[in-house]
Amino acid sequence: MSMRNLLSRVESKKIDKAASMLKVLAHPKRLAIVDLLGKEEKMTVTEIYQYLDLPQAIASQHLITLKDKGVLSSFKVGTKIYYSLSIPKLIDVIDCLEECCTDM
């Protein structure tokens, strides 16, 4: 059986997007935000920073970065901004990391 490498199985645009998402996830606070939003359907900025015990400005900056890279989506209701995962399957990445890192 011949195995094809990733570059021959997946178009380069998708690989570039995946690499970009992995780069943005390469921060402990951003991983925590993705993990949290994987457990909750949607949360406000206030709920996120309070739950993760982060300063509001830091949480907001990470949320903006994640949204800009397509990891999160947001919508406004009145004065509140709600965030959710754009790609719910990203929680599988968190689960995989959790499994891989328990043996280290």
N, C-alpha and C. Protein backbone atom coordinates (compact mmCIF):
# COMPACT_ATOMS: atom_id res chain seq x y z
N MET A 1 0.84 -1.18 0.00
CA MET A 1 0.00 0.00 0.00
C MET A 1 0.89 1.25 0.00
N SER A 2 0.66 2.14 -0.93
CA SER A 2 1.47 3.35 -0.97
C SER A 2 0.76 4.46 -0.19
N MET A 3 1.53 5.14 0.62
CA MET A 3 0.97 6.24 1.41
C MET A 3 1.30 7.55 0.71
N ARG A 4 0.29 8.37 0.56
CA ARG A 4 0.50 9.69 -0.04
C ARG A 4 0.73 10.71 1.06
N ASN A 5 1.64 11.63 0.82
CA ASN A 5 1.90 12.64 1.84
C ASN A 5 0.78 13.67 1.89
N LEU A 6 0.77 14.42 2.96
CA LEU A 6 -0.28 15.40 3.20
C LEU A 6 -0.45 16.37 2.03
N LEU A 7 0.66 16.83 1.47
CA LEU A 7 0.59 17.81 0.38
C LEU A 7 -0.06 17.24 -0.88
N SER A 8 -0.03 15.94 -1.05
CA SER A 8 -0.67 15.36 -2.23
C SER A 8 -2.13 14.99 -1.95
N ARG A 9 -2.52 14.93 -0.66
CA ARG A 9 -3.90 14.58 -0.31
C ARG A 9 -4.79 15.80 -0.12
N VAL A 10 -4.21 16.90 0.31
CA VAL A 10 -4.99 18.08 0.67
C VAL A 10 -4.47 19.28 -0.12
N GLU A 11 -5.39 20.07 -0.65
CA GLU A 11 -4.96 21.23 -1.44
C GLU A 11 -4.23 22.25 -0.55
N SER A 12 -3.29 22.94 -1.13
CA SER A 12 -2.39 23.80 -0.36
C SER A 12 -3.13 24.91 0.38
N LYS A 13 -4.24 25.42 -0.18
CA LYS A 13 -5.01 26.47 0.51
C LYS A 13 -5.52 25.96 1.86
N LYS A 14 -5.97 24.72 1.90
CA LYS A 14 -6.47 24.15 3.14
C LYS A 14 -5.34 23.92 4.14
N ILE A 15 -4.20 23.51 3.65
CA ILE A 15 -3.04 23.30 4.53
C ILE A 15 -2.60 24.64 5.11
N ASP A 16 -2.57 25.68 4.29
CA ASP A 16 -2.20 27.01 4.77
C ASP A 16 -3.17 27.49 5.85
N LYS A 17 -4.47 27.26 5.63
CA LYS A 17 -5.47 27.67 6.61
C LYS A 17 -5.29 26.89 7.91
N ALA A 18 -5.06 25.59 7.81
CA ALA A 18 -4.85 24.77 9.00
C ALA A 18 -3.62 25.24 9.77
N ALA A 19 -2.54 25.53 9.07
CA ALA A 19 -1.32 26.01 9.73
C ALA A 19 -1.57 27.34 10.42
N SER A 20 -2.32 28.21 9.78
CA SER A 20 -2.64 29.51 10.38
C SER A 20 -3.46 29.33 11.66
N MET A 21 -4.43 28.42 11.61
CA MET A 21 -5.24 28.17 12.81
C MET A 21 -4.41 27.56 13.93
N LEU A 22 -3.52 26.65 13.59
CA LEU A 22 -2.67 26.05 14.62
C LEU A 22 -1.75 27.09 15.24
N LYS A 23 -1.26 28.02 14.42
CA LYS A 23 -0.41 29.09 14.95
C LYS A 23 -1.17 29.94 15.97
N VAL A 24 -2.40 30.31 15.62
CA VAL A 24 -3.18 31.16 16.53
C VAL A 24 -3.57 30.41 17.79
N LEU A 25 -3.70 29.10 17.70
CA LEU A 25 -4.02 28.30 18.88
C LEU A 25 -2.81 28.04 19.77
N ALA A 26 -1.64 28.37 19.29
CA ALA A 26 -0.41 28.07 20.01
C ALA A 26 -0.16 29.05 21.16
N HIS A 27 -1.17 29.27 21.95
CA HIS A 27 -1.05 30.13 23.13
C HIS A 27 -1.96 29.54 24.21
N PRO A 28 -1.46 29.35 25.41
CA PRO A 28 -2.27 28.70 26.46
C PRO A 28 -3.62 29.36 26.73
N LYS A 29 -3.68 30.67 26.72
CA LYS A 29 -4.95 31.37 26.99
C LYS A 29 -5.93 31.16 25.84
N ARG A 30 -5.43 31.14 24.61
CA ARG A 30 -6.31 30.92 23.46
C ARG A 30 -6.83 29.49 23.45
N LEU A 31 -5.97 28.55 23.81
CA LEU A 31 -6.42 27.15 23.93
C LEU A 31 -7.51 27.05 24.99
N ALA A 32 -7.34 27.77 26.10
CA ALA A 32 -8.35 27.75 27.17
C ALA A 32 -9.68 28.33 26.68
N ILE A 33 -9.62 29.38 25.89
CA ILE A 33 -10.84 29.99 25.35
C ILE A 33 -11.55 29.01 24.42
N VAL A 34 -10.80 28.37 23.52
CA VAL A 34 -11.39 27.40 22.60
C VAL A 34 -11.98 26.23 23.37
N ASP A 35 -11.27 25.76 24.38
CA ASP A 35 -11.78 24.67 25.21
C ASP A 35 -13.08 25.07 25.89
N LEU A 36 -13.11 26.25 26.46
CA LEU A 36 -14.31 26.75 27.14
C LEU A 36 -15.49 26.86 26.17
N LEU A 37 -15.24 27.44 25.00
CA LEU A 37 -16.32 27.60 24.03
C LEU A 37 -16.72 26.29 23.38
N GLY A 38 -15.88 25.28 23.49
CA GLY A 38 -16.26 23.95 23.03
C GLY A 38 -17.25 23.28 23.97
N LYS A 39 -17.29 23.75 25.21
CA LYS A 39 -18.20 23.20 26.21
C LYS A 39 -19.50 24.01 26.31
N GLU A 40 -19.42 25.26 25.91
CA GLU A 40 -20.58 26.17 25.95
C GLU A 40 -20.91 26.58 24.52
N GLU A 41 -22.19 26.72 24.24
CA GLU A 41 -22.59 27.08 22.87
C GLU A 41 -22.15 28.49 22.51
N LYS A 42 -22.33 29.41 23.45
CA LYS A 42 -21.92 30.80 23.23
C LYS A 42 -21.69 31.44 24.60
N MET A 43 -20.81 32.43 24.63
CA MET A 43 -20.52 33.15 25.87
C MET A 43 -20.21 34.60 25.55
N THR A 44 -20.52 35.46 26.52
CA THR A 44 -20.15 36.87 26.37
C THR A 44 -18.69 37.06 26.75
N VAL A 45 -18.15 38.20 26.37
CA VAL A 45 -16.78 38.54 26.74
C VAL A 45 -16.64 38.50 28.26
N THR A 46 -17.60 39.07 28.96
CA THR A 46 -17.56 39.10 30.43
C THR A 46 -17.54 37.69 31.01
N GLU A 47 -18.40 36.82 30.51
CA GLU A 47 -18.43 35.44 31.01
C GLU A 47 -17.09 34.75 30.79
N ILE A 48 -16.50 34.99 29.62
CA ILE A 48 -15.22 34.34 29.29
C ILE A 48 -14.11 34.83 30.21
N TYR A 49 -13.95 36.15 30.34
CA TYR A 49 -12.82 36.62 31.15
C TYR A 49 -13.02 36.31 32.63
N GLN A 50 -14.27 36.31 33.10
CA GLN A 50 -14.50 35.95 34.50
C GLN A 50 -14.24 34.47 34.74
N TYR A 51 -14.71 33.63 33.84
CA TYR A 51 -14.53 32.19 34.01
C TYR A 51 -13.04 31.81 33.99
N LEU A 52 -12.28 32.43 33.08
CA LEU A 52 -10.86 32.11 32.94
C LEU A 52 -9.97 32.96 33.85
N ASP A 53 -10.59 33.85 34.62
CA ASP A 53 -9.86 34.71 35.56
C ASP A 53 -8.75 35.49 34.84
N LEU A 54 -9.16 36.14 33.75
CA LEU A 54 -8.24 36.97 32.96
C LEU A 54 -8.65 38.43 33.06
N PRO A 55 -7.70 39.34 32.94
CA PRO A 55 -8.09 40.75 32.80
C PRO A 55 -8.93 40.92 31.52
N GLN A 56 -9.91 41.78 31.58
CA GLN A 56 -10.83 41.97 30.45
C GLN A 56 -10.09 42.35 29.17
N ALA A 57 -9.10 43.23 29.27
CA ALA A 57 -8.36 43.67 28.08
C ALA A 57 -7.61 42.52 27.43
N ILE A 58 -7.02 41.64 28.25
CA ILE A 58 -6.28 40.49 27.72
C ILE A 58 -7.24 39.53 27.02
N ALA A 59 -8.35 39.22 27.69
CA ALA A 59 -9.35 38.32 27.09
C ALA A 59 -9.85 38.89 25.77
N SER A 60 -10.16 40.17 25.75
CA SER A 60 -10.67 40.80 24.52
C SER A 60 -9.67 40.71 23.39
N GLN A 61 -8.39 40.93 23.69
CA GLN A 61 -7.35 40.85 22.66
C GLN A 61 -7.26 39.44 22.08
N HIS A 62 -7.29 38.43 22.94
CA HIS A 62 -7.24 37.05 22.46
C HIS A 62 -8.50 36.71 21.64
N LEU A 63 -9.64 37.18 22.08
CA LEU A 63 -10.89 36.92 21.34
C LEU A 63 -10.84 37.56 19.95
N ILE A 64 -10.35 38.76 19.87
CA ILE A 64 -10.22 39.44 18.57
C ILE A 64 -9.27 38.67 17.66
N THR A 65 -8.15 38.24 18.21
CA THR A 65 -7.18 37.47 17.41
C THR A 65 -7.80 36.18 16.90
N LEU A 66 -8.49 35.47 17.77
CA LEU A 66 -9.14 34.21 17.37
C LEU A 66 -10.22 34.46 16.32
N LYS A 67 -10.95 35.53 16.47
CA LYS A 67 -12.00 35.86 15.49
C LYS A 67 -11.38 36.24 14.15
N ASP A 68 -10.33 37.06 14.18
CA ASP A 68 -9.67 37.48 12.94
C ASP A 68 -9.12 36.31 12.13
N LYS A 69 -8.72 35.25 12.83
CA LYS A 69 -8.17 34.07 12.15
C LYS A 69 -9.24 33.04 11.81
N GLY A 70 -10.52 33.36 12.08
CA GLY A 70 -11.60 32.47 11.69
C GLY A 70 -11.91 31.35 12.67
N VAL A 71 -11.28 31.39 13.85
CA VAL A 71 -11.51 30.36 14.85
C VAL A 71 -12.84 30.59 15.58
N LEU A 72 -13.14 31.88 15.84
CA LEU A 72 -14.37 32.24 16.53
C LEU A 72 -15.26 33.10 15.65
N SER A 73 -16.53 33.07 15.96
CA SER A 73 -17.46 34.01 15.35
C SER A 73 -18.15 34.75 16.49
N SER A 74 -18.74 35.90 16.19
CA SER A 74 -19.40 36.68 17.23
C SER A 74 -20.66 37.31 16.70
N PHE A 75 -21.55 37.64 17.63
CA PHE A 75 -22.74 38.39 17.29
C PHE A 75 -23.13 39.24 18.49
N LYS A 76 -23.81 40.32 18.20
CA LYS A 76 -24.15 41.28 19.23
C LYS A 76 -25.64 41.21 19.54
N VAL A 77 -25.96 41.23 20.83
CA VAL A 77 -27.35 41.31 21.29
C VAL A 77 -27.38 42.47 22.28
N GLY A 78 -28.00 43.56 21.88
CA GLY A 78 -27.98 44.76 22.72
C GLY A 78 -26.56 45.26 22.84
N THR A 79 -26.08 45.33 24.07
CA THR A 79 -24.72 45.81 24.30
C THR A 79 -23.73 44.66 24.48
N LYS A 80 -24.21 43.42 24.48
CA LYS A 80 -23.34 42.26 24.73
C LYS A 80 -22.88 41.63 23.42
N ILE A 81 -21.61 41.24 23.41
CA ILE A 81 -21.05 40.51 22.27
C ILE A 81 -20.87 39.07 22.71
N TYR A 82 -21.46 38.16 21.94
CA TYR A 82 -21.34 36.73 22.21
C TYR A 82 -20.35 36.10 21.25
N TYR A 83 -19.53 35.19 21.77
CA TYR A 83 -18.56 34.46 20.95
C TYR A 83 -18.90 32.98 20.96
N SER A 84 -18.60 32.34 19.84
CA SER A 84 -18.76 30.89 19.73
C SER A 84 -17.69 30.37 18.76
N LEU A 85 -17.50 29.06 18.77
CA LEU A 85 -16.53 28.45 17.85
C LEU A 85 -17.08 28.49 16.43
N SER A 86 -16.28 28.95 15.50
CA SER A 86 -16.67 28.91 14.08
C SER A 86 -16.62 27.48 13.56
N ILE A 87 -15.68 26.73 14.11
CA ILE A 87 -15.48 25.34 13.68
C ILE A 87 -15.52 24.46 14.93
N PRO A 88 -16.70 23.95 15.27
CA PRO A 88 -16.84 23.15 16.50
C PRO A 88 -15.88 21.96 16.58
N LYS A 89 -15.44 21.44 15.45
CA LYS A 89 -14.51 20.31 15.46
C LYS A 89 -13.15 20.67 16.07
N LEU A 90 -12.87 21.95 16.25
CA LEU A 90 -11.61 22.36 16.87
C LEU A 90 -11.49 21.81 18.29
N ILE A 91 -12.60 21.51 18.93
CA ILE A 91 -12.54 20.93 20.27
C ILE A 91 -11.83 19.58 20.22
N ASP A 92 -11.89 18.91 19.07
CA ASP A 92 -11.18 17.63 18.91
C ASP A 92 -9.66 17.83 19.00
N VAL A 93 -9.18 18.98 18.54
CA VAL A 93 -7.75 19.30 18.64
C VAL A 93 -7.38 19.42 20.12
N ILE A 94 -8.22 20.09 20.89
CA ILE A 94 -7.97 20.25 22.32
C ILE A 94 -7.96 18.88 23.00
N ASP A 95 -8.95 18.05 22.67
CA ASP A 95 -9.02 16.70 23.25
C ASP A 95 -7.77 15.89 22.91
N CYS A 96 -7.32 16.00 21.67
CA CYS A 96 -6.12 15.28 21.23
C CYS A 96 -4.89 15.76 22.00
N LEU A 97 -4.76 17.07 22.16
CA LEU A 97 -3.64 17.63 22.91
C LEU A 97 -3.67 17.14 24.36
N GLU A 98 -4.86 17.10 24.92
CA GLU A 98 -5.01 16.64 26.30
C GLU A 98 -4.54 15.20 26.44
N GLU A 99 -4.93 14.36 25.49
CA GLU A 99 -4.51 12.95 25.51
C GLU A 99 -3.01 12.82 25.31
N CYS A 100 -2.48 13.54 24.33
CA CYS A 100 -1.05 13.45 24.03
C CYS A 100 -0.18 13.94 25.17
N CYS A 101 -0.62 14.97 25.86
CA CYS A 101 0.21 15.60 26.89
C CYS A 101 0.12 14.91 28.24
N THR A 102 -0.83 14.01 28.43
CA THR A 102 -0.92 13.34 29.73
C THR A 102 0.23 12.37 29.94
N ASP A 103 0.82 11.89 28.87
CA ASP A 103 1.93 10.93 28.97
C ASP A 103 3.28 11.62 29.10
N MET A 104 3.32 12.93 29.02
CA MET A 104 4.60 13.65 29.06
C MET A 104 5.03 13.91 30.48
